[in-house]
Amino acid sequence: MTLDGQRFYEKLIESDTLPTTSQATVIDFEQVYKEVSDAGDTAVVITISSKLSGTYQSACIADEDYKDKIRVVDSLQATVGEHILADLAVRLSEEGLNANEIADRLEQKREDICLIALLDTLEYLKKGGRISKSVAFVGGILSIKPVICIKNGEVVILGKAKGSKNGNNMLNEFITKEGGVDFAMPYRLGYTGISDSLLMKYVRDNAHLWESESENLPISIVGSAIGTHAGPGAIAVAFFRK
């Protein structure tokens, strides 16, 4: 059974059991590569960070017989960070670059991607064994909101804010520290859960950052692989630094 994002988060909230996640297999990639090759096409494959999943390795193993047709790019990112790299790939393709040229540019520009996220709860990190029950309990009592980012392909905790307001402030401090959002490049906001209300509140409360682009903000619901561990109520921002 295939679930859309809305239904997945409904079931995640309702269930006491955390879903399990798994990476795409070598066979999965080989099937797609064969379709690309048989059609006489070429493709650029962009994967989640190799430091977060074995997906990149699977994609490379499957590529052995398709070196002239497929280029695999390790995004060194996840969710909306990976998404904006794919958005850039589409833009480059529309400009007429071939697969190898696109892959080369992506490997260069991925270093400029910033992704930061604010989690609303520690409960799902506890369920997944990422933190202890005692840490989750204390965090819940104190309304601790972890602020994380991805650096060098790995998840890094920037801080633990007390309350959403302080968490939002940390997001803004990070964006400013990184030089601000380059609105000429792809950027994207994301959220987990059945509603984007927390993300929209963040946008409204920080209008000075987003007001020039607020009518066309690209927003995505974070997929199940990341959402399983982040839990509902998280918000994320991904952009290329200026």
C-alpha atoms as a PDB file:
ATOM      1  CA  MET A   1       0.000   0.000   0.000  1.00  0.00           C
ATOM      2  CA  THR A   2       1.267   3.467  -0.906  1.00  0.00           C
ATOM      3  CA  LEU A   3       0.499   6.352   1.441  1.00  0.00           C
ATOM      4  CA  ASP A   4       0.572  10.029   0.608  1.00  0.00           C
ATOM      5  CA  GLY A   5       2.247  12.391   3.055  1.00  0.00           C
ATOM      6  CA  GLN A   6      -0.968  13.351   4.824  1.00  0.00           C
ATOM      7  CA  ARG A   7      -2.005   9.765   5.498  1.00  0.00           C
ATOM      8  CA  PHE A   8       1.514   8.746   6.554  1.00  0.00           C
ATOM      9  CA  TYR A   9       1.641  11.389   9.285  1.00  0.00           C
ATOM     10  CA  GLU A  10      -1.874  10.530  10.420  1.00  0.00           C
ATOM     11  CA  LYS A  11      -0.780   6.926  10.934  1.00  0.00           C
ATOM     12  CA  LEU A  12       2.528   8.010  12.529  1.00  0.00           C
ATOM     13  CA  ILE A  13       0.650  10.054  15.128  1.00  0.00           C
ATOM     14  CA  GLU A  14      -1.954   7.349  15.753  1.00  0.00           C
ATOM     15  CA  SER A  15       0.479   4.445  16.110  1.00  0.00           C
ATOM     16  CA  ASP A  16       2.545   3.482  19.139  1.00  0.00           C
ATOM     17  CA  THR A  17       4.998   1.636  16.889  1.00  0.00           C
ATOM     18  CA  LEU A  18       7.587   3.544  14.886  1.00  0.00           C
ATOM     19  CA  PRO A  19       7.715   2.615  11.170  1.00  0.00           C
ATOM     20  CA  THR A  20      10.882   1.027   9.837  1.00  0.00           C
ATOM     21  CA  THR A  21      12.797   2.568   6.941  1.00  0.00           C
ATOM     22  CA  SER A  22      15.021   0.975   4.316  1.00  0.00           C
ATOM     23  CA  GLN A  23      17.165   2.166   1.438  1.00  0.00           C
ATOM     24  CA  ALA A  24      16.603   1.590  -2.275  1.00  0.00           C
ATOM     25  CA  THR A  25      18.353  -1.601  -3.402  1.00  0.00           C
ATOM     26  CA  VAL A  26      20.878  -2.208  -6.164  1.00  0.00           C
ATOM     27  CA  ILE A  27      18.176  -4.053  -8.110  1.00  0.00           C
ATOM     28  CA  ASP A  28      15.850  -1.036  -7.823  1.00  0.00           C
ATOM     29  CA  PHE A  29      18.485   1.188  -9.407  1.00  0.00           C
ATOM     30  CA  GLU A  30      19.463  -1.363 -12.067  1.00  0.00           C
ATOM     31  CA  GLN A  31      15.874  -1.552 -13.297  1.00  0.00           C
ATOM     32  CA  VAL A  32      15.677   2.214 -13.720  1.00  0.00           C
ATOM     33  CA  TYR A  33      19.124   2.433 -15.309  1.00  0.00           C
ATOM     34  CA  LYS A  34      18.150  -0.211 -17.863  1.00  0.00           C
ATOM     35  CA  GLU A  35      15.030   1.753 -18.772  1.00  0.00           C
ATOM     36  CA  VAL A  36      17.121   4.885 -19.276  1.00  0.00           C
ATOM     37  CA  SER A  37      19.690   3.023 -21.373  1.00  0.00           C
ATOM     38  CA  ASP A  38      17.104   1.193 -23.479  1.00  0.00           C
ATOM     39  CA  ALA A  39      15.446   4.524 -24.271  1.00  0.00           C
ATOM     40  CA  GLY A  40      18.775   5.947 -25.449  1.00  0.00           C
ATOM     41  CA  ASP A  41      18.742   8.562 -22.704  1.00  0.00           C
ATOM     42  CA  THR A  42      21.182   9.661 -20.003  1.00  0.00           C
ATOM     43  CA  ALA A  43      20.419  10.459 -16.374  1.00  0.00           C
ATOM     44  CA  VAL A  44      21.801  12.167 -13.316  1.00  0.00           C
ATOM     45  CA  VAL A  45      20.931  10.313 -10.099  1.00  0.00           C
ATOM     46  CA  ILE A  46      20.924  12.455  -6.956  1.00  0.00           C
ATOM     47  CA  THR A  47      20.907  10.539  -3.678  1.00  0.00           C
ATOM     48  CA  ILE A  48      20.527  11.311  -0.004  1.00  0.00           C
ATOM     49  CA  SER A  49      23.857  11.873   1.760  1.00  0.00           C
ATOM     50  CA  SER A  50      26.098   8.805   1.755  1.00  0.00           C
ATOM     51  CA  LYS A  51      26.787   9.515   5.442  1.00  0.00           C
ATOM     52  CA  LEU A  52      23.106   9.088   6.296  1.00  0.00           C
ATOM     53  CA  SER A  53      22.156   6.122   4.118  1.00  0.00           C
ATOM     54  CA  GLY A  54      23.595   3.344   1.964  1.00  0.00           C
ATOM     55  CA  THR A  55      21.476   4.522  -0.967  1.00  0.00           C
ATOM     56  CA  TYR A  56      24.416   6.237  -2.669  1.00  0.00           C
ATOM     57  CA  GLN A  57      26.469   3.028  -2.495  1.00  0.00           C
ATOM     58  CA  SER A  58      23.601   1.020  -4.006  1.00  0.00           C
ATOM     59  CA  ALA A  59      23.245   3.557  -6.807  1.00  0.00           C
ATOM     60  CA  CYS A  60      26.988   3.360  -7.574  1.00  0.00           C
ATOM     61  CA  ILE A  61      27.104  -0.452  -7.550  1.00  0.00           C
ATOM     62  CA  ALA A  62      24.198  -0.572  -9.989  1.00  0.00           C
ATOM     63  CA  ASP A  63      26.009   1.931 -12.206  1.00  0.00           C
ATOM     64  CA  GLU A  64      28.875  -0.438 -13.110  1.00  0.00           C
ATOM     65  CA  ASP A  65      27.328  -1.442 -16.452  1.00  0.00           C
ATOM     66  CA  TYR A  66      25.937   2.008 -17.285  1.00  0.00           C
ATOM     67  CA  LYS A  67      28.903   4.352 -16.870  1.00  0.00           C
ATOM     68  CA  ASP A  68      28.241   6.031 -20.228  1.00  0.00           C
ATOM     69  CA  LYS A  69      24.585   6.642 -19.416  1.00  0.00           C
ATOM     70  CA  ILE A  70      24.362   7.399 -15.694  1.00  0.00           C
ATOM     71  CA  ARG A  71      26.088   9.846 -13.339  1.00  0.00           C
ATOM     72  CA  VAL A  72      25.464   9.360  -9.631  1.00  0.00           C
ATOM     73  CA  VAL A  73      25.765  12.431  -7.394  1.00  0.00           C
ATOM     74  CA  ASP A  74      25.966  12.247  -3.612  1.00  0.00           C
ATOM     75  CA  SER A  75      23.924  15.262  -2.523  1.00  0.00           C
ATOM     76  CA  LEU A  76      25.516  15.281   0.952  1.00  0.00           C
ATOM     77  CA  GLN A  77      22.044  16.445   1.948  1.00  0.00           C
ATOM     78  CA  ALA A  78      18.592  15.148   2.833  1.00  0.00           C
ATOM     79  CA  THR A  79      14.945  16.052   2.250  1.00  0.00           C
ATOM     80  CA  VAL A  80      14.571  19.720   1.127  1.00  0.00           C
ATOM     81  CA  GLY A  81      18.355  20.128   0.888  1.00  0.00           C
ATOM     82  CA  GLU A  82      18.475  17.305  -1.627  1.00  0.00           C
ATOM     83  CA  HIS A  83      15.358  18.725  -3.286  1.00  0.00           C
ATOM     84  CA  ILE A  84      16.956  22.069  -4.149  1.00  0.00           C
ATOM     85  CA  LEU A  85      19.931  20.295  -5.698  1.00  0.00           C
ATOM     86  CA  ALA A  86      17.469  18.419  -7.916  1.00  0.00           C
ATOM     87  CA  ASP A  87      15.745  21.730  -8.703  1.00  0.00           C
ATOM     88  CA  LEU A  88      19.120  23.092  -9.825  1.00  0.00           C
ATOM     89  CA  ALA A  89      19.672  20.005 -12.002  1.00  0.00           C
ATOM     90  CA  VAL A  90      16.368  20.641 -13.784  1.00  0.00           C
ATOM     91  CA  ARG A  91      17.329  24.263 -14.362  1.00  0.00           C
ATOM     92  CA  LEU A  92      20.700  23.252 -15.818  1.00  0.00           C
ATOM     93  CA  SER A  93      19.055  20.672 -18.065  1.00  0.00           C
ATOM     94  CA  GLU A  94      16.681  23.327 -19.403  1.00  0.00           C
ATOM     95  CA  GLU A  95      19.749  25.460 -20.160  1.00  0.00           C
ATOM     96  CA  GLY A  96      21.052  22.666 -22.387  1.00  0.00           C
ATOM     97  CA  LEU A  97      23.783  21.087 -20.267  1.00  0.00           C
ATOM     98  CA  ASN A  98      24.361  17.356 -20.706  1.00  0.00           C
ATOM     99  CA  ALA A  99      24.359  14.789 -17.880  1.00  0.00           C
ATOM    100  CA  ASN A 100      28.083  14.966 -17.181  1.00  0.00           C
ATOM    101  CA  GLU A 101      28.089  18.757 -17.187  1.00  0.00           C
ATOM    102  CA  ILE A 102      25.099  18.830 -14.847  1.00  0.00           C
ATOM    103  CA  ALA A 103      26.686  16.324 -12.452  1.00  0.00           C
ATOM    104  CA  ASP A 104      29.921  18.321 -12.364  1.00  0.00           C
ATOM    105  CA  ARG A 105      28.039  21.515 -11.513  1.00  0.00           C
ATOM    106  CA  LEU A 106      25.985  19.796  -8.833  1.00  0.00           C
ATOM    107  CA  GLU A 107      29.082  18.402  -7.140  1.00  0.00           C
ATOM    108  CA  GLN A 108      30.476  21.914  -7.102  1.00  0.00           C
ATOM    109  CA  LYS A 109      27.353  23.714  -5.888  1.00  0.00           C
ATOM    110  CA  ARG A 110      26.335  21.187  -3.213  1.00  0.00           C
ATOM    111  CA  GLU A 111      28.982  22.775  -0.990  1.00  0.00           C
ATOM    112  CA  ASP A 112      26.915  25.964  -0.919  1.00  0.00           C
ATOM    113  CA  ILE A 113      23.707  24.332   0.326  1.00  0.00           C
ATOM    114  CA  CYS A 114      22.515  25.120   3.840  1.00  0.00           C
ATOM    115  CA  LEU A 115      19.799  23.103   5.543  1.00  0.00           C
ATOM    116  CA  ILE A 116      18.522  23.866   9.013  1.00  0.00           C
ATOM    117  CA  ALA A 117      15.552  22.385  10.845  1.00  0.00           C
ATOM    118  CA  LEU A 118      13.652  22.870  14.083  1.00  0.00           C
ATOM    119  CA  LEU A 119      12.091  19.773  15.651  1.00  0.00           C
ATOM    120  CA  ASP A 120       8.881  20.139  17.645  1.00  0.00           C
ATOM    121  CA  THR A 121       9.282  17.010  19.753  1.00  0.00           C
ATOM    122  CA  LEU A 122      11.928  14.576  20.981  1.00  0.00           C
ATOM    123  CA  GLU A 123       9.426  11.709  21.151  1.00  0.00           C
ATOM    124  CA  TYR A 124      10.254  10.169  17.795  1.00  0.00           C
ATOM    125  CA  LEU A 125      13.993  10.357  18.307  1.00  0.00           C
ATOM    126  CA  LYS A 126      13.332   8.462  21.541  1.00  0.00           C
ATOM    127  CA  LYS A 127      11.182   5.852  19.793  1.00  0.00           C
ATOM    128  CA  GLY A 128      13.894   5.336  17.192  1.00  0.00           C
ATOM    129  CA  GLY A 129      16.548   4.875  19.862  1.00  0.00           C
ATOM    130  CA  ARG A 130      18.408   8.074  18.894  1.00  0.00           C
ATOM    131  CA  ILE A 131      18.097   9.499  22.416  1.00  0.00           C
ATOM    132  CA  SER A 132      17.303   8.033  25.833  1.00  0.00           C
ATOM    133  CA  LYS A 133      13.862   8.060  27.474  1.00  0.00           C
ATOM    134  CA  SER A 134      15.171  10.283  30.278  1.00  0.00           C
ATOM    135  CA  VAL A 135      16.502  12.885  27.838  1.00  0.00           C
ATOM    136  CA  ALA A 136      13.197  12.872  25.950  1.00  0.00           C
ATOM    137  CA  PHE A 137      11.226  13.220  29.196  1.00  0.00           C
ATOM    138  CA  VAL A 138      13.257  16.178  30.439  1.00  0.00           C
ATOM    139  CA  GLY A 139      13.144  17.759  26.993  1.00  0.00           C
ATOM    140  CA  GLY A 140       9.361  17.453  26.942  1.00  0.00           C
ATOM    141  CA  ILE A 141       8.968  18.970  30.394  1.00  0.00           C
ATOM    142  CA  LEU A 142      11.203  21.897  29.490  1.00  0.00           C
ATOM    143  CA  SER A 143       9.747  22.296  25.969  1.00  0.00           C
ATOM    144  CA  ILE A 144      13.164  21.767  24.413  1.00  0.00           C
ATOM    145  CA  LYS A 145      13.256  22.146  20.616  1.00  0.00           C
ATOM    146  CA  PRO A 146      16.389  20.696  18.979  1.00  0.00           C
ATOM    147  CA  VAL A 147      17.826  22.802  16.147  1.00  0.00           C
ATOM    148  CA  ILE A 148      19.781  20.739  13.636  1.00  0.00           C
ATOM    149  CA  CYS A 149      21.592  21.254  10.364  1.00  0.00           C
ATOM    150  CA  ILE A 150      23.534  19.152   7.891  1.00  0.00           C
ATOM    151  CA  LYS A 151      27.266  19.756   7.647  1.00  0.00           C
ATOM    152  CA  ASN A 152      29.606  17.680   5.520  1.00  0.00           C
ATOM    153  CA  GLY A 153      26.765  15.274   4.877  1.00  0.00           C
ATOM    154  CA  GLU A 154      26.023  14.583   8.545  1.00  0.00           C
ATOM    155  CA  VAL A 155      23.348  15.746  10.981  1.00  0.00           C
ATOM    156  CA  VAL A 156      24.731  18.221  13.524  1.00  0.00           C
ATOM    157  CA  ILE A 157      22.869  19.590  16.536  1.00  0.00           C
ATOM    158  CA  LEU A 158      23.297  23.362  16.584  1.00  0.00           C
ATOM    159  CA  GLY A 159      21.494  23.865  19.854  1.00  0.00           C
ATOM    160  CA  LYS A 160      18.496  23.113  22.007  1.00  0.00           C
ATOM    161  CA  ALA A 161      16.087  26.009  22.143  1.00  0.00           C
ATOM    162  CA  LYS A 162      13.533  26.415  24.911  1.00  0.00           C
ATOM    163  CA  GLY A 163      10.279  26.963  23.071  1.00  0.00           C
ATOM    164  CA  SER A 164       9.428  27.587  19.440  1.00  0.00           C
ATOM    165  CA  LYS A 165      10.199  31.315  19.543  1.00  0.00           C
ATOM    166  CA  ASN A 166      13.791  30.723  20.606  1.00  0.00           C
ATOM    167  CA  GLY A 167      14.019  27.938  18.037  1.00  0.00           C
ATOM    168  CA  ASN A 168      12.893  30.273  15.281  1.00  0.00           C
ATOM    169  CA  ASN A 169      15.471  32.807  16.424  1.00  0.00           C
ATOM    170  CA  MET A 170      18.175  30.168  16.091  1.00  0.00           C
ATOM    171  CA  LEU A 171      17.017  29.407  12.556  1.00  0.00           C
ATOM    172  CA  ASN A 172      17.330  33.069  11.649  1.00  0.00           C
ATOM    173  CA  GLU A 173      20.734  33.410  13.299  1.00  0.00           C
ATOM    174  CA  PHE A 174      21.973  30.465  11.238  1.00  0.00           C
ATOM    175  CA  ILE A 175      20.611  31.902   7.984  1.00  0.00           C
ATOM    176  CA  THR A 176      22.267  35.252   8.712  1.00  0.00           C
ATOM    177  CA  LYS A 177      25.544  33.616   9.730  1.00  0.00           C
ATOM    178  CA  GLU A 178      25.627  31.687   6.458  1.00  0.00           C
ATOM    179  CA  GLY A 179      25.266  34.889   4.435  1.00  0.00           C
ATOM    180  CA  GLY A 180      21.544  34.826   3.762  1.00  0.00           C
ATOM    181  CA  VAL A 181      19.356  33.160   1.155  1.00  0.00           C
ATOM    182  CA  ASP A 182      20.365  33.470  -2.494  1.00  0.00           C
ATOM    183  CA  PHE A 183      16.908  33.905  -3.987  1.00  0.00           C
ATOM    184  CA  ALA A 184      18.374  33.657  -7.501  1.00  0.00           C
ATOM    185  CA  MET A 185      19.030  29.979  -6.787  1.00  0.00           C
ATOM    186  CA  PRO A 186      16.578  27.238  -5.800  1.00  0.00           C
ATOM    187  CA  TYR A 187      15.426  27.275  -2.195  1.00  0.00           C
ATOM    188  CA  ARG A 188      12.695  25.419  -0.342  1.00  0.00           C
ATOM    189  CA  LEU A 189      10.863  25.216   2.961  1.00  0.00           C
ATOM    190  CA  GLY A 190       9.590  21.961   4.405  1.00  0.00           C
ATOM    191  CA  TYR A 191       7.420  20.662   7.208  1.00  0.00           C
ATOM    192  CA  THR A 192       6.428  17.385   8.814  1.00  0.00           C
ATOM    193  CA  GLY A 193       2.965  16.428  10.003  1.00  0.00           C
ATOM    194  CA  ILE A 194      -0.577  16.884   8.770  1.00  0.00           C
ATOM    195  CA  SER A 195      -0.483  20.676   8.766  1.00  0.00           C
ATOM    196  CA  ASP A 196       1.941  23.382   7.651  1.00  0.00           C
ATOM    197  CA  SER A 197       0.653  25.780  10.327  1.00  0.00           C
ATOM    198  CA  LEU A 198       3.921  25.920  12.301  1.00  0.00           C
ATOM    199  CA  LEU A 199       5.868  26.636   9.135  1.00  0.00           C
ATOM    200  CA  MET A 200       3.434  29.366   8.090  1.00  0.00           C
ATOM    201  CA  LYS A 201       3.696  30.936  11.557  1.00  0.00           C
ATOM    202  CA  TYR A 202       7.483  30.933  11.200  1.00  0.00           C
ATOM    203  CA  VAL A 203       7.187  32.672   7.805  1.00  0.00           C
ATOM    204  CA  ARG A 204       4.797  35.294   9.175  1.00  0.00           C
ATOM    205  CA  ASP A 205       6.887  35.934  12.273  1.00  0.00           C
ATOM    206  CA  ASN A 206       9.989  36.388  10.140  1.00  0.00           C
ATOM    207  CA  ALA A 207       8.542  38.407   7.304  1.00  0.00           C
ATOM    208  CA  HIS A 208      11.752  40.408   6.918  1.00  0.00           C
ATOM    209  CA  LEU A 209      13.411  37.262   5.560  1.00  0.00           C
ATOM    210  CA  TRP A 210      10.638  36.045   3.297  1.00  0.00           C
ATOM    211  CA  GLU A 211       8.271  38.923   2.445  1.00  0.00           C
ATOM    212  CA  SER A 212       9.839  39.588  -0.972  1.00  0.00           C
ATOM    213  CA  GLU A 213       9.219  35.967  -1.939  1.00  0.00           C
ATOM    214  CA  SER A 214       6.199  35.099   0.217  1.00  0.00           C
ATOM    215  CA  GLU A 215       3.717  34.815  -2.640  1.00  0.00           C
ATOM    216  CA  ASN A 216       5.700  32.046  -4.306  1.00  0.00           C
ATOM    217  CA  LEU A 217       7.388  30.215  -1.457  1.00  0.00           C
ATOM    218  CA  PRO A 218       8.234  26.666  -2.578  1.00  0.00           C
ATOM    219  CA  ILE A 219       7.000  24.407   0.220  1.00  0.00           C
ATOM    220  CA  SER A 220       7.177  20.619   0.503  1.00  0.00           C
ATOM    221  CA  ILE A 221       5.996  18.074   3.014  1.00  0.00           C
ATOM    222  CA  VAL A 222       8.994  16.105   4.286  1.00  0.00           C
ATOM    223  CA  GLY A 223       8.873  12.463   3.230  1.00  0.00           C
ATOM    224  CA  SER A 224       8.406   9.420   5.416  1.00  0.00           C
ATOM    225  CA  ALA A 225      12.075   8.344   5.640  1.00  0.00           C
ATOM    226  CA  ILE A 226      13.063  11.557   7.431  1.00  0.00           C
ATOM    227  CA  GLY A 227       9.659  12.246   8.970  1.00  0.00           C
ATOM    228  CA  THR A 228       9.724   8.931  10.820  1.00  0.00           C
ATOM    229  CA  HIS A 229      12.591  10.155  13.000  1.00  0.00           C
ATOM    230  CA  ALA A 230      11.864  13.892  13.041  1.00  0.00           C
ATOM    231  CA  GLY A 231       8.238  13.417  14.022  1.00  0.00           C
ATOM    232  CA  PRO A 232       5.386  15.814  13.229  1.00  0.00           C
ATOM    233  CA  GLY A 233       5.686  19.553  13.739  1.00  0.00           C
ATOM    234  CA  ALA A 234       9.222  20.003  12.386  1.00  0.00           C
ATOM    235  CA  ILE A 235      10.078  22.824  10.000  1.00  0.00           C
ATOM    236  CA  ALA A 236      13.085  23.057   7.686  1.00  0.00           C
ATOM    237  CA  VAL A 237      14.720  25.615   5.407  1.00  0.00           C
ATOM    238  CA  ALA A 238      17.144  24.785   2.602  1.00  0.00           C
ATOM    239  CA  PHE A 239      18.943  27.335   0.447  1.00  0.00           C
ATOM    240  CA  PHE A 240      22.153  28.172  -1.378  1.00  0.00           C
ATOM    241  CA  ARG A 241      24.205  30.667   0.580  1.00  0.00           C
ATOM    242  CA  LYS A 242      24.996  33.970  -1.117  1.00  0.00           C
END
